[in-house]
Amino acid sequence: MSAEVTAESIDIAAAEGTADAFFVRPASAGPHPGVLLYMDAYGIRPALEAHAARLAAGGYCVLVPNVFYRHGRSPVLENLEQLMQSEDRSALFAQLGPKIQAVTPEGANADATAWLGFLRDRAEVRDGPIGTVGYCMGGRFSLRLAGEFPDAVSAAASFHGAGMATDQPDSPHLAAVHATGELYIGHADNDRGMDPEQMGRLTRALAEAHVRHTVELYVGALHGWTQTDAQVYDEAATERHWSRLLELFGRVLQP
């Protein structure tokens, strides 16, 4: 771990049990703005911890909760790395599927109260609205948080998020239209989980609701491109993602 940040593994009393989490913050005296980072389906692991640490080094207290805590502690699967690198990942998603399905919109909102409460109670975290960012599956949680807790979130970002504007009554975009903070959405190219129909539906809904937002298509970058341990990792697109994310958070969250 870099000398610039301090990290710890913690437990949080969540809606349906105890959730393990990773909390990383600048080593320098605070308080610093709080950020809630929503994991992808691969969960808390070294690559995601390093990702959170890089964000924390930018001047943020970053909380990464295990949203799959209902199924146990991290790592989400014992043989995760091996399954992630397999040519056939059907076995991976067969195991992850039930964990993903268990986090209902109602459960996510109940958990969010715990995540926000943790950040609010930490002395290192500055008072006031937080930022949130989510990856893949986490993109849904990030947009939903911004809309369900508008007073608590002043900046929200999603990268290669999937299923964010479905035709279902619990689609995240129906919550996101209530956001009062600023949103940034970075779409993966040719993402089967977020097709052009959903992209258009999301953009129209945010525009009609007068939500401040920027939507960008990362041409050539595949779903999951920001994760250094994923087969689809794209370094150039990931650095662009860092530029966009740090610009948003720096402009909105930093005094």
C-alpha atoms as a PDB file:
ATOM      1  CA  MET A   1       0.000   0.000   0.000  1.00  0.00           C
ATOM      2  CA  SER A   2       1.293   3.450  -0.915  1.00  0.00           C
ATOM      3  CA  ALA A   3       2.510   5.715   1.856  1.00  0.00           C
ATOM      4  CA  GLU A   4       0.046   8.280   0.563  1.00  0.00           C
ATOM      5  CA  VAL A   5      -2.994   6.341   1.768  1.00  0.00           C
ATOM      6  CA  THR A   6      -4.118   4.353   4.788  1.00  0.00           C
ATOM      7  CA  ALA A   7      -6.274   1.268   4.257  1.00  0.00           C
ATOM      8  CA  GLU A   8      -8.181  -1.069   6.518  1.00  0.00           C
ATOM      9  CA  SER A   9     -10.626  -3.940   6.289  1.00  0.00           C
ATOM     10  CA  ILE A  10     -13.735  -3.238   8.330  1.00  0.00           C
ATOM     11  CA  ASP A  11     -17.157  -4.669   9.168  1.00  0.00           C
ATOM     12  CA  ILE A  12     -20.393  -2.700   8.840  1.00  0.00           C
ATOM     13  CA  ALA A  13     -23.785  -3.560  10.296  1.00  0.00           C
ATOM     14  CA  ALA A  14     -25.900  -3.694   7.131  1.00  0.00           C
ATOM     15  CA  ALA A  15     -29.569  -4.347   6.427  1.00  0.00           C
ATOM     16  CA  GLU A  16     -29.387  -8.151   6.561  1.00  0.00           C
ATOM     17  CA  GLY A  17     -26.218  -8.939   8.476  1.00  0.00           C
ATOM     18  CA  THR A  18     -22.592  -7.886   8.787  1.00  0.00           C
ATOM     19  CA  ALA A  19     -20.881  -6.680   5.622  1.00  0.00           C
ATOM     20  CA  ASP A  20     -17.138  -6.730   5.188  1.00  0.00           C
ATOM     21  CA  ALA A  21     -15.700  -3.679   3.436  1.00  0.00           C
ATOM     22  CA  PHE A  22     -12.470  -2.005   2.360  1.00  0.00           C
ATOM     23  CA  PHE A  23     -11.887   1.567   3.543  1.00  0.00           C
ATOM     24  CA  VAL A  24      -8.992   3.612   2.207  1.00  0.00           C
ATOM     25  CA  ARG A  25      -8.217   7.280   2.799  1.00  0.00           C
ATOM     26  CA  PRO A  26      -5.415   9.816   2.422  1.00  0.00           C
ATOM     27  CA  ALA A  27      -2.719   9.498   5.060  1.00  0.00           C
ATOM     28  CA  SER A  28      -2.686  13.300   5.390  1.00  0.00           C
ATOM     29  CA  ALA A  29      -4.913  15.051   7.903  1.00  0.00           C
ATOM     30  CA  GLY A  30      -8.526  15.417   6.811  1.00  0.00           C
ATOM     31  CA  PRO A  31     -11.326  15.670   6.667  1.00  0.00           C
ATOM     32  CA  HIS A  32     -11.662  14.618   3.028  1.00  0.00           C
ATOM     33  CA  PRO A  33     -14.752  14.138   0.840  1.00  0.00           C
ATOM     34  CA  GLY A  34     -16.371  10.720   1.095  1.00  0.00           C
ATOM     35  CA  VAL A  35     -16.797   8.399  -1.870  1.00  0.00           C
ATOM     36  CA  LEU A  36     -18.818   5.183  -2.034  1.00  0.00           C
ATOM     37  CA  LEU A  37     -17.326   2.820  -4.621  1.00  0.00           C
ATOM     38  CA  TYR A  38     -19.651   0.060  -5.804  1.00  0.00           C
ATOM     39  CA  MET A  39     -17.820  -3.089  -6.848  1.00  0.00           C
ATOM     40  CA  ASP A  40     -18.337  -5.080 -10.010  1.00  0.00           C
ATOM     41  CA  ALA A  41     -19.608  -8.660  -9.779  1.00  0.00           C
ATOM     42  CA  TYR A  42     -16.073  -9.957  -9.112  1.00  0.00           C
ATOM     43  CA  GLY A  43     -16.115  -8.246  -5.729  1.00  0.00           C
ATOM     44  CA  ILE A  44     -13.437  -6.994  -3.370  1.00  0.00           C
ATOM     45  CA  ARG A  45     -10.047  -8.342  -4.483  1.00  0.00           C
ATOM     46  CA  PRO A  46      -6.510  -6.965  -4.880  1.00  0.00           C
ATOM     47  CA  ALA A  47      -7.233  -5.266  -8.214  1.00  0.00           C
ATOM     48  CA  LEU A  48     -10.270  -3.453  -6.827  1.00  0.00           C
ATOM     49  CA  GLU A  49      -8.432  -2.478  -3.654  1.00  0.00           C
ATOM     50  CA  ALA A  50      -5.647  -0.955  -5.762  1.00  0.00           C
ATOM     51  CA  HIS A  51      -8.283   0.875  -7.796  1.00  0.00           C
ATOM     52  CA  ALA A  52      -9.828   2.339  -4.627  1.00  0.00           C
ATOM     53  CA  ALA A  53      -6.388   3.296  -3.318  1.00  0.00           C
ATOM     54  CA  ARG A  54      -5.640   5.265  -6.486  1.00  0.00           C
ATOM     55  CA  LEU A  55      -8.887   7.182  -6.007  1.00  0.00           C
ATOM     56  CA  ALA A  56      -8.098   7.794  -2.336  1.00  0.00           C
ATOM     57  CA  ALA A  57      -4.682   9.173  -3.294  1.00  0.00           C
ATOM     58  CA  GLY A  58      -6.587  11.891  -5.137  1.00  0.00           C
ATOM     59  CA  GLY A  59      -7.903  13.166  -1.798  1.00  0.00           C
ATOM     60  CA  TYR A  60     -10.944  11.022  -0.983  1.00  0.00           C
ATOM     61  CA  CYS A  61     -12.097   8.668   1.765  1.00  0.00           C
ATOM     62  CA  VAL A  62     -13.260   5.660  -0.248  1.00  0.00           C
ATOM     63  CA  LEU A  63     -15.579   2.955   1.072  1.00  0.00           C
ATOM     64  CA  VAL A  64     -15.904  -0.288  -0.923  1.00  0.00           C
ATOM     65  CA  PRO A  65     -18.572  -2.514   0.678  1.00  0.00           C
ATOM     66  CA  ASN A  66     -19.084  -6.151  -0.194  1.00  0.00           C
ATOM     67  CA  VAL A  67     -22.612  -5.912  -1.569  1.00  0.00           C
ATOM     68  CA  PHE A  68     -22.741  -9.735  -1.726  1.00  0.00           C
ATOM     69  CA  TYR A  69     -22.371 -10.027   2.060  1.00  0.00           C
ATOM     70  CA  ARG A  70     -25.647 -11.958   2.222  1.00  0.00           C
ATOM     71  CA  HIS A  71     -23.734 -14.867   0.663  1.00  0.00           C
ATOM     72  CA  GLY A  72     -20.620 -14.529   2.815  1.00  0.00           C
ATOM     73  CA  ARG A  73     -17.429 -12.531   3.133  1.00  0.00           C
ATOM     74  CA  SER A  74     -14.894 -11.612   0.465  1.00  0.00           C
ATOM     75  CA  PRO A  75     -13.605 -13.026  -1.791  1.00  0.00           C
ATOM     76  CA  VAL A  76     -16.889 -13.696  -3.526  1.00  0.00           C
ATOM     77  CA  LEU A  77     -15.517 -17.019  -4.871  1.00  0.00           C
ATOM     78  CA  GLU A  78     -12.527 -19.013  -3.655  1.00  0.00           C
ATOM     79  CA  ASN A  79     -11.247 -19.745  -7.175  1.00  0.00           C
ATOM     80  CA  LEU A  80     -12.161 -16.312  -8.554  1.00  0.00           C
ATOM     81  CA  GLU A  81      -8.905 -15.501 -10.360  1.00  0.00           C
ATOM     82  CA  GLN A  82      -8.803 -18.859 -12.129  1.00  0.00           C
ATOM     83  CA  LEU A  83     -12.432 -18.525 -13.241  1.00  0.00           C
ATOM     84  CA  MET A  84     -11.919 -14.932 -14.437  1.00  0.00           C
ATOM     85  CA  GLN A  85      -9.067 -15.997 -16.715  1.00  0.00           C
ATOM     86  CA  SER A  86     -10.895 -19.007 -18.134  1.00  0.00           C
ATOM     87  CA  GLU A  87     -11.861 -18.984 -21.814  1.00  0.00           C
ATOM     88  CA  ASP A  88     -15.323 -20.261 -20.850  1.00  0.00           C
ATOM     89  CA  ARG A  89     -16.679 -18.116 -18.052  1.00  0.00           C
ATOM     90  CA  SER A  90     -20.107 -19.774 -17.882  1.00  0.00           C
ATOM     91  CA  ALA A  91     -19.096 -21.502 -14.632  1.00  0.00           C
ATOM     92  CA  LEU A  92     -18.103 -18.144 -13.182  1.00  0.00           C
ATOM     93  CA  PHE A  93     -21.419 -16.477 -13.874  1.00  0.00           C
ATOM     94  CA  ALA A  94     -23.377 -19.564 -12.850  1.00  0.00           C
ATOM     95  CA  GLN A  95     -21.942 -19.001  -9.366  1.00  0.00           C
ATOM     96  CA  LEU A  96     -22.194 -15.219  -9.381  1.00  0.00           C
ATOM     97  CA  GLY A  97     -25.755 -15.087 -10.727  1.00  0.00           C
ATOM     98  CA  PRO A  98     -27.563 -15.922  -7.449  1.00  0.00           C
ATOM     99  CA  LYS A  99     -25.432 -13.383  -5.573  1.00  0.00           C
ATOM    100  CA  ILE A 100     -26.332 -10.649  -8.055  1.00  0.00           C
ATOM    101  CA  GLN A 101     -30.028 -11.526  -7.980  1.00  0.00           C
ATOM    102  CA  ALA A 102     -30.085 -11.410  -4.164  1.00  0.00           C
ATOM    103  CA  VAL A 103     -29.346  -7.664  -4.138  1.00  0.00           C
ATOM    104  CA  THR A 104     -32.834  -6.350  -4.879  1.00  0.00           C
ATOM    105  CA  PRO A 105     -33.508  -2.614  -5.317  1.00  0.00           C
ATOM    106  CA  GLU A 106     -35.108  -2.593  -1.867  1.00  0.00           C
ATOM    107  CA  GLY A 107     -32.103  -4.371  -0.384  1.00  0.00           C
ATOM    108  CA  ALA A 108     -29.690  -2.023  -2.127  1.00  0.00           C
ATOM    109  CA  ASN A 109     -31.494   0.998  -0.698  1.00  0.00           C
ATOM    110  CA  ALA A 110     -31.501  -0.484   2.799  1.00  0.00           C
ATOM    111  CA  ASP A 111     -27.794  -1.258   2.510  1.00  0.00           C
ATOM    112  CA  ALA A 112     -27.096   2.240   1.211  1.00  0.00           C
ATOM    113  CA  THR A 113     -28.366   3.666   4.489  1.00  0.00           C
ATOM    114  CA  ALA A 114     -25.644   1.669   6.256  1.00  0.00           C
ATOM    115  CA  TRP A 115     -22.911   2.677   3.795  1.00  0.00           C
ATOM    116  CA  LEU A 116     -23.850   6.362   4.058  1.00  0.00           C
ATOM    117  CA  GLY A 117     -24.060   6.119   7.833  1.00  0.00           C
ATOM    118  CA  PHE A 118     -20.548   4.696   8.028  1.00  0.00           C
ATOM    119  CA  LEU A 119     -19.117   7.565   5.981  1.00  0.00           C
ATOM    120  CA  ARG A 120     -21.091  10.106   7.979  1.00  0.00           C
ATOM    121  CA  ASP A 121     -19.741   8.765  11.274  1.00  0.00           C
ATOM    122  CA  ARG A 122     -16.054   8.679  10.338  1.00  0.00           C
ATOM    123  CA  ALA A 123     -14.075  11.675  11.546  1.00  0.00           C
ATOM    124  CA  GLU A 124     -11.828  11.512   8.465  1.00  0.00           C
ATOM    125  CA  VAL A 125     -14.800  12.142   6.162  1.00  0.00           C
ATOM    126  CA  ARG A 126     -15.862  15.709   5.534  1.00  0.00           C
ATOM    127  CA  ASP A 127     -19.449  16.633   6.316  1.00  0.00           C
ATOM    128  CA  GLY A 128     -21.735  17.093   3.338  1.00  0.00           C
ATOM    129  CA  PRO A 129     -22.790  15.188   0.216  1.00  0.00           C
ATOM    130  CA  ILE A 130     -20.576  12.397  -1.094  1.00  0.00           C
ATOM    131  CA  GLY A 131     -19.561  11.054  -4.478  1.00  0.00           C
ATOM    132  CA  THR A 132     -20.285   7.573  -5.734  1.00  0.00           C
ATOM    133  CA  VAL A 133     -18.931   5.483  -8.593  1.00  0.00           C
ATOM    134  CA  GLY A 134     -19.870   2.017  -9.748  1.00  0.00           C
ATOM    135  CA  TYR A 135     -18.462  -0.484 -12.222  1.00  0.00           C
ATOM    136  CA  CYS A 136     -20.424  -3.008 -14.283  1.00  0.00           C
ATOM    137  CA  MET A 137     -23.130  -4.175 -11.871  1.00  0.00           C
ATOM    138  CA  GLY A 138     -22.082  -1.339  -9.550  1.00  0.00           C
ATOM    139  CA  GLY A 139     -23.126   1.242 -12.118  1.00  0.00           C
ATOM    140  CA  ARG A 140     -26.745   0.385 -11.358  1.00  0.00           C
ATOM    141  CA  PHE A 141     -26.176   0.917  -7.644  1.00  0.00           C
ATOM    142  CA  SER A 142     -24.423   4.244  -8.220  1.00  0.00           C
ATOM    143  CA  LEU A 143     -27.233   5.724 -10.332  1.00  0.00           C
ATOM    144  CA  ARG A 144     -29.902   4.366  -7.997  1.00  0.00           C
ATOM    145  CA  LEU A 145     -28.140   5.873  -4.963  1.00  0.00           C
ATOM    146  CA  ALA A 146     -27.995   9.293  -6.636  1.00  0.00           C
ATOM    147  CA  GLY A 147     -31.750   9.238  -7.201  1.00  0.00           C
ATOM    148  CA  GLU A 148     -32.906   7.565  -3.998  1.00  0.00           C
ATOM    149  CA  PHE A 149     -30.657   9.690  -1.742  1.00  0.00           C
ATOM    150  CA  PRO A 150     -30.424  12.988  -3.657  1.00  0.00           C
ATOM    151  CA  ASP A 151     -29.501  15.055  -0.617  1.00  0.00           C
ATOM    152  CA  ALA A 152     -26.599  12.730   0.175  1.00  0.00           C
ATOM    153  CA  VAL A 153     -25.003  12.466  -3.284  1.00  0.00           C
ATOM    154  CA  SER A 154     -23.621  15.410  -5.229  1.00  0.00           C
ATOM    155  CA  ALA A 155     -21.701  13.452  -7.891  1.00  0.00           C
ATOM    156  CA  ALA A 156     -22.293   9.962  -9.274  1.00  0.00           C
ATOM    157  CA  ALA A 157     -20.524   8.031 -12.003  1.00  0.00           C
ATOM    158  CA  SER A 158     -21.054   4.722 -13.755  1.00  0.00           C
ATOM    159  CA  PHE A 159     -18.563   2.918 -15.982  1.00  0.00           C
ATOM    160  CA  HIS A 160     -19.565   0.046 -18.246  1.00  0.00           C
ATOM    161  CA  GLY A 161     -22.736  -0.292 -16.207  1.00  0.00           C
ATOM    162  CA  ALA A 162     -25.296  -2.809 -17.454  1.00  0.00           C
ATOM    163  CA  GLY A 163     -29.070  -2.975 -17.169  1.00  0.00           C
ATOM    164  CA  MET A 164     -29.392   0.669 -16.175  1.00  0.00           C
ATOM    165  CA  ALA A 165     -32.424   1.530 -18.317  1.00  0.00           C
ATOM    166  CA  THR A 166     -34.491  -1.602 -18.789  1.00  0.00           C
ATOM    167  CA  ASP A 167     -38.226  -1.739 -19.469  1.00  0.00           C
ATOM    168  CA  GLN A 168     -38.855  -3.072 -15.952  1.00  0.00           C
ATOM    169  CA  PRO A 169     -40.595  -1.017 -13.227  1.00  0.00           C
ATOM    170  CA  ASP A 170     -37.544  -1.192 -10.960  1.00  0.00           C
ATOM    171  CA  SER A 171     -35.033  -0.041 -13.579  1.00  0.00           C
ATOM    172  CA  PRO A 172     -32.285   2.192 -12.088  1.00  0.00           C
ATOM    173  CA  HIS A 173     -32.954   5.029 -14.543  1.00  0.00           C
ATOM    174  CA  LEU A 174     -36.380   5.549 -12.994  1.00  0.00           C
ATOM    175  CA  ALA A 175     -34.635   6.361  -9.720  1.00  0.00           C
ATOM    176  CA  ALA A 176     -31.804   8.342 -11.315  1.00  0.00           C
ATOM    177  CA  VAL A 177     -34.222  10.947 -12.690  1.00  0.00           C
ATOM    178  CA  HIS A 178     -34.635  12.203  -9.111  1.00  0.00           C
ATOM    179  CA  ALA A 179     -30.924  12.956  -8.699  1.00  0.00           C
ATOM    180  CA  THR A 180     -30.009  16.535  -7.825  1.00  0.00           C
ATOM    181  CA  GLY A 181     -26.253  15.948  -8.158  1.00  0.00           C
ATOM    182  CA  GLU A 182     -24.261  15.641 -11.374  1.00  0.00           C
ATOM    183  CA  LEU A 183     -23.982  12.314 -13.193  1.00  0.00           C
ATOM    184  CA  TYR A 184     -21.347  10.895 -15.532  1.00  0.00           C
ATOM    185  CA  ILE A 185     -21.999   7.704 -17.490  1.00  0.00           C
ATOM    186  CA  GLY A 186     -19.273   5.982 -19.488  1.00  0.00           C
ATOM    187  CA  HIS A 187     -20.672   3.245 -21.733  1.00  0.00           C
ATOM    188  CA  ALA A 188     -18.746   0.264 -23.066  1.00  0.00           C
ATOM    189  CA  ASP A 189     -18.882  -0.320 -26.811  1.00  0.00           C
ATOM    190  CA  ASN A 190     -21.082  -3.166 -28.044  1.00  0.00           C
ATOM    191  CA  ASP A 191     -22.194  -3.979 -24.496  1.00  0.00           C
ATOM    192  CA  ARG A 192     -24.848  -6.694 -24.559  1.00  0.00           C
ATOM    193  CA  GLY A 193     -25.970  -5.592 -21.098  1.00  0.00           C
ATOM    194  CA  MET A 194     -26.436  -1.963 -22.139  1.00  0.00           C
ATOM    195  CA  ASP A 195     -27.551  -1.862 -25.758  1.00  0.00           C
ATOM    196  CA  PRO A 196     -28.262   1.305 -27.806  1.00  0.00           C
ATOM    197  CA  GLU A 197     -31.962   1.126 -26.906  1.00  0.00           C
ATOM    198  CA  GLN A 198     -31.136   1.298 -23.195  1.00  0.00           C
ATOM    199  CA  MET A 199     -28.511   3.994 -23.765  1.00  0.00           C
ATOM    200  CA  GLY A 200     -31.090   6.140 -25.534  1.00  0.00           C
ATOM    201  CA  ARG A 201     -33.738   5.504 -22.885  1.00  0.00           C
ATOM    202  CA  LEU A 202     -31.341   6.553 -20.126  1.00  0.00           C
ATOM    203  CA  THR A 203     -30.192   9.721 -21.867  1.00  0.00           C
ATOM    204  CA  ARG A 204     -33.735  10.802 -22.730  1.00  0.00           C
ATOM    205  CA  ALA A 205     -34.981  10.216 -19.184  1.00  0.00           C
ATOM    206  CA  LEU A 206     -32.160  12.244 -17.622  1.00  0.00           C
ATOM    207  CA  ALA A 207     -32.580  15.067 -20.132  1.00  0.00           C
ATOM    208  CA  GLU A 208     -36.347  15.238 -19.664  1.00  0.00           C
ATOM    209  CA  ALA A 209     -35.859  15.338 -15.876  1.00  0.00           C
ATOM    210  CA  HIS A 210     -33.255  18.122 -16.209  1.00  0.00           C
ATOM    211  CA  VAL A 211     -30.619  16.063 -14.392  1.00  0.00           C
ATOM    212  CA  ARG A 212     -27.104  17.380 -14.993  1.00  0.00           C
ATOM    213  CA  HIS A 213     -25.326  14.596 -16.814  1.00  0.00           C
ATOM    214  CA  THR A 214     -22.644  13.650 -19.302  1.00  0.00           C
ATOM    215  CA  VAL A 215     -22.845  10.433 -21.293  1.00  0.00           C
ATOM    216  CA  GLU A 216     -19.884   9.120 -23.247  1.00  0.00           C
ATOM    217  CA  LEU A 217     -19.339   6.034 -25.387  1.00  0.00           C
ATOM    218  CA  TYR A 218     -15.868   4.507 -25.067  1.00  0.00           C
ATOM    219  CA  VAL A 219     -15.508   3.285 -28.635  1.00  0.00           C
ATOM    220  CA  GLY A 220     -13.641   0.002 -28.822  1.00  0.00           C
ATOM    221  CA  ALA A 221     -13.624  -0.529 -25.034  1.00  0.00           C
ATOM    222  CA  LEU A 222     -15.468  -3.655 -23.920  1.00  0.00           C
ATOM    223  CA  HIS A 223     -17.647  -4.277 -20.872  1.00  0.00           C
ATOM    224  CA  GLY A 224     -15.325  -4.368 -17.847  1.00  0.00           C
ATOM    225  CA  TRP A 225     -12.495  -2.407 -19.454  1.00  0.00           C
ATOM    226  CA  THR A 226     -11.442  -0.548 -16.265  1.00  0.00           C
ATOM    227  CA  GLN A 227     -10.532  -3.654 -14.259  1.00  0.00           C
ATOM    228  CA  THR A 228      -6.826  -4.462 -14.460  1.00  0.00           C
ATOM    229  CA  ASP A 229      -7.364  -8.164 -13.735  1.00  0.00           C
ATOM    230  CA  ALA A 230     -10.028  -8.626 -16.416  1.00  0.00           C
ATOM    231  CA  GLN A 231      -9.296 -10.078 -19.849  1.00  0.00           C
ATOM    232  CA  VAL A 232     -10.876  -6.983 -21.453  1.00  0.00           C
ATOM    233  CA  TYR A 233      -8.739  -4.444 -19.539  1.00  0.00           C
ATOM    234  CA  ASP A 234      -7.980  -1.448 -21.789  1.00  0.00           C
ATOM    235  CA  GLU A 235      -5.236   0.785 -20.412  1.00  0.00           C
ATOM    236  CA  ALA A 236      -5.876   3.801 -22.652  1.00  0.00           C
ATOM    237  CA  ALA A 237      -9.619   3.768 -22.030  1.00  0.00           C
ATOM    238  CA  THR A 238      -9.027   3.262 -18.302  1.00  0.00           C
ATOM    239  CA  GLU A 239      -6.775   6.317 -18.095  1.00  0.00           C
ATOM    240  CA  ARG A 240      -9.490   8.291 -19.863  1.00  0.00           C
ATOM    241  CA  HIS A 241     -11.952   7.013 -17.271  1.00  0.00           C
ATOM    242  CA  TRP A 242      -9.640   8.271 -14.501  1.00  0.00           C
ATOM    243  CA  SER A 243      -9.465  11.675 -16.146  1.00  0.00           C
ATOM    244  CA  ARG A 244     -13.256  11.956 -16.317  1.00  0.00           C
ATOM    245  CA  LEU A 245     -13.856  10.633 -12.804  1.00  0.00           C
ATOM    246  CA  LEU A 246     -11.248  12.794 -11.081  1.00  0.00           C
ATOM    247  CA  GLU A 247     -12.423  15.874 -12.987  1.00  0.00           C
ATOM    248  CA  LEU A 248     -16.030  15.314 -11.856  1.00  0.00           C
ATOM    249  CA  PHE A 249     -15.161  14.601  -8.236  1.00  0.00           C
ATOM    250  CA  GLY A 250     -12.568  17.374  -8.075  1.00  0.00           C
ATOM    251  CA  ARG A 251     -14.970  19.968  -9.432  1.00  0.00           C
ATOM    252  CA  VAL A 252     -17.992  18.914  -7.374  1.00  0.00           C
ATOM    253  CA  LEU A 253     -16.604  17.452  -4.147  1.00  0.00           C
ATOM    254  CA  GLN A 254     -13.376  19.301  -3.412  1.00  0.00           C
ATOM    255  CA  PRO A 255     -13.687  22.702  -1.701  1.00  0.00           C
END
